[in-house]
Amino acid sequence: MDKNEFITNMMVRELLELADISAKRLLKKMVEDGILVAVGEKKSRKYILSK
């Protein structure tokens, strides 16, 4: 995320070679742990680092 201000589900899938459901679980866990903040709804959702 150094180059971007956000990351998306698709970016996580491509970078980590994960299935959609696995990327969703990972992102959800990172939001629950306070690492990321979800912004937007459904397909337009982006994740930014928590401050």
C-alpha atoms as a PDB file:
ATOM      1  CA  MET A   1       0.000   0.000   0.000  1.00  0.00           C
ATOM      2  CA  ASP A   2       3.028   2.294  -0.164  1.00  0.00           C
ATOM      3  CA  LYS A   3       2.187   3.282  -3.751  1.00  0.00           C
ATOM      4  CA  ASN A   4      -1.575   3.449  -3.204  1.00  0.00           C
ATOM      5  CA  GLU A   5      -3.684   5.056  -0.559  1.00  0.00           C
ATOM      6  CA  PHE A   6      -6.019   2.058  -0.554  1.00  0.00           C
ATOM      7  CA  ILE A   7      -6.338  -1.610  -1.430  1.00  0.00           C
ATOM      8  CA  THR A   8      -9.297  -3.512  -2.875  1.00  0.00           C
ATOM      9  CA  ASN A   9     -10.473  -7.099  -2.685  1.00  0.00           C
ATOM     10  CA  MET A  10      -9.312  -7.644  -6.260  1.00  0.00           C
ATOM     11  CA  MET A  11      -5.842  -6.299  -5.473  1.00  0.00           C
ATOM     12  CA  VAL A  12      -5.548  -8.655  -2.475  1.00  0.00           C
ATOM     13  CA  ARG A  13      -6.642 -11.622  -4.607  1.00  0.00           C
ATOM     14  CA  GLU A  14      -4.077 -10.836  -7.289  1.00  0.00           C
ATOM     15  CA  LEU A  15      -1.185 -10.041  -4.945  1.00  0.00           C
ATOM     16  CA  LEU A  16      -1.704 -13.030  -2.645  1.00  0.00           C
ATOM     17  CA  GLU A  17      -3.239 -15.393  -5.221  1.00  0.00           C
ATOM     18  CA  LEU A  18      -6.293 -15.987  -3.047  1.00  0.00           C
ATOM     19  CA  ALA A  19      -9.832 -17.004  -3.885  1.00  0.00           C
ATOM     20  CA  ASP A  20     -12.490 -14.310  -3.477  1.00  0.00           C
ATOM     21  CA  ILE A  21     -13.860 -15.735  -0.224  1.00  0.00           C
ATOM     22  CA  SER A  22     -10.368 -16.001   1.291  1.00  0.00           C
ATOM     23  CA  ALA A  23      -9.598 -12.375   0.413  1.00  0.00           C
ATOM     24  CA  LYS A  24     -12.920 -11.290   1.945  1.00  0.00           C
ATOM     25  CA  ARG A  25     -12.146 -13.172   5.166  1.00  0.00           C
ATOM     26  CA  LEU A  26      -8.666 -11.679   5.373  1.00  0.00           C
ATOM     27  CA  LEU A  27      -9.893  -8.128   4.802  1.00  0.00           C
ATOM     28  CA  LYS A  28     -12.761  -8.597   7.268  1.00  0.00           C
ATOM     29  CA  LYS A  29     -10.333  -9.835   9.929  1.00  0.00           C
ATOM     30  CA  MET A  30      -8.002  -6.895   9.313  1.00  0.00           C
ATOM     31  CA  VAL A  31     -10.948  -4.486   9.713  1.00  0.00           C
ATOM     32  CA  GLU A  32     -12.050  -6.237  12.929  1.00  0.00           C
ATOM     33  CA  ASP A  33      -8.485  -6.058  14.276  1.00  0.00           C
ATOM     34  CA  GLY A  34      -8.349  -2.331  13.564  1.00  0.00           C
ATOM     35  CA  ILE A  35      -5.610  -2.565  10.925  1.00  0.00           C
ATOM     36  CA  LEU A  36      -7.784  -1.411   8.019  1.00  0.00           C
ATOM     37  CA  VAL A  37     -10.902   0.732   7.652  1.00  0.00           C
ATOM     38  CA  ALA A  38     -13.491  -0.191   5.022  1.00  0.00           C
ATOM     39  CA  VAL A  39     -14.734   2.701   2.889  1.00  0.00           C
ATOM     40  CA  GLY A  40     -17.624   2.374   0.444  1.00  0.00           C
ATOM     41  CA  GLU A  41     -20.163  -0.299  -0.289  1.00  0.00           C
ATOM     42  CA  LYS A  42     -20.047  -3.654  -2.051  1.00  0.00           C
ATOM     43  CA  LYS A  43     -17.981  -3.664  -5.262  1.00  0.00           C
ATOM     44  CA  SER A  44     -16.677  -0.124  -4.784  1.00  0.00           C
ATOM     45  CA  ARG A  45     -15.362  -0.869  -1.273  1.00  0.00           C
ATOM     46  CA  LYS A  46     -11.778   0.117  -0.608  1.00  0.00           C
ATOM     47  CA  TYR A  47      -9.636  -0.448   2.444  1.00  0.00           C
ATOM     48  CA  ILE A  48      -7.332   2.141   3.953  1.00  0.00           C
ATOM     49  CA  LEU A  49      -4.871   1.871   6.814  1.00  0.00           C
ATOM     50  CA  SER A  50      -6.302   2.726  10.181  1.00  0.00           C
ATOM     51  CA  LYS A  51      -4.675   5.690  11.877  1.00  0.00           C
END
